[in-house]
Amino acid sequence: MKTSSIVSSIPQSNSPHRCGYCGKTGSRHAAGIWGHRLRVDDYQILMDRGWRRCGKFLYKPDLQNSCCPLYTIRVNALETVISKSQRKILRKMQNFLQGKVTLEELKRKSQSFEDDQRNNSKILNDELKHQGDKTNKQKNKSNLKGSCQGPDPTKPKCRKAKDIRREKKVQKLSLKSNMSSEQAQKFVKESKEREEMENLQKRRQVLDDLINQMGPTLTSGHKLEVKLVLADTCNPTFIESWEKSYDLYKKYQIAIHNDEADDCDSKQFKRFLIDTALQHERSSDYPDIEFGTFHQQYYLDGKLIAVGVLDILPESLSSVYFFYDPDFSCLNLGVFSCLRELVFLRQIHSKTPSMQYYYMGLYNYDCKKLVYKGQYDQSYLLCPETYVWTPLSKCIPKFKVTKYCRLNDSDENNNPKTDYNKVHIMYKNLMMTYPTYCGFHCVDESKEIENYATQVGLTLCRRMLLYRPTVYEGDR
């Protein structure tokens, strides 16, 4: 028998909060619940309603009242195609592992690239200072010469070369095979679609091929090993790597995020990246697959250089956090880990067909710390009003106008009305509906319960148990 998820609601605070992205105070709001025990399929539903977790604390940003609206972003891992820049990063890692380039050479190239970027930025700023004068001069010249009239409307429009080639192919085919022009046109169209699909499949396969070429037995220069370890303090394998992981985390936080040493102690590390409400489960249909929270550890020549904290769920792989050794930042380990996790998801999909999506957390178009997440092909954002996934390419034009908006333009709606009377309560170790619970004491909790029901949705109102403490002021 499956055990139910048990959570406690945390009332939304009206006190000012400091935004960790823009630094403003008093404008970042979120709903929260504490997970005592959380089933992986329930967390999947929560993520599809905009929830994320930090340790055992689950939060849902209030996008309308936030200075930086945080939209949930995911990638269709089965259909994504890597870009040229991502392919270069994989080639760089491959060359390093094969001993074709040293770490020192990569560091020098990286430093040179950063210097060039700073110089280019300075030159651009200098050019912008004189841009106003140039623009005025060009306007004066254009007024003297007369405005451009555009293309001649009396002449036919230029045709694309590929359209001309296609038309010739249709004519040739219709003459040779006694087809009508309509049949030949349909045949050419279908063959073109098949060719495009084959090319797309080859482009998708490039990512898998490049990652597989980096296996520990296929490289002669350096040995890269990736281990997946269940994040559990009762797991001996995990305990063995505890100190190494924590030392790496502390080094990363101080160097990359400028944290003080006291702000990233071992307790904070455990609370943030080890403690989890997710239950460790095995798939009933696919016993080889385990669900829960894991640490994916990257070892280079036996040294731990990076750790990715992952939640493996029935339908998705969710990236919780990633930290690495700053000494190896020239290898672009952040991007490399994302690409490798996409391949890891595809490997799980071969055993568990329901696995399809890679959740990257939260996205904001105007935030430099988050905008990089939108650089992956087949990215989708969750509409905060209808909970319908919308292609990122359709969302960006809206973000250029306003920070917050409804992303889904269709009539589709995955947000049915909720009834807080359907909320299931755990009180004095007994399960009951909210109306039954109200009969035990005189404290009015309808506003809190109604808000909870609205945030978690109708399905989880009935499935999860909302824990209520035994003693209330009104019961005494």
Foldseek 3Di string as FASTA:
>chain_A
DDDFWEKAWDDKDQAWDADPFPRDIRQWTKTKIFTQAHEQVLVVLLVLLQWDDFFRMIIHTPQVRHPFRWWWKWFQLQQWFDDPVLVVLLVVVQCPLQVVDDLVRLVVVVVVVVVVVVVVVVVVVVVVVCVVVVVVVVVVVCVVVDDDPDDDPVDDDDDDPVVVVLQVQLVVVCVPPVDDSVVSNVVSVVVVVVVVVVVSVVRSCVLVVSVVCLAQVNHDRKGKDKDKFQLDPVGPVCVVCLVLVLVQVLQQCCVPVVDDSVVRDSVSCCSGQRRYNYDWDADPVQRVDIFAWIWIFIAMNNHTFKIWIWGDHLQEIETRDITGHPSNCSSVVVSVVVSVVSSVQVVVCVRRVNHTMYTDGIAFCPGPVHNVVLNIPRMWTQFNFQSDTHGPVQCVVVCVVPRDDGRDPDPHGPADDADLQLAWAQEPNDIDGPVVVCVQFPDDPPVVSNVVCNSSGHVCSNRHYHYDYHDDPRND
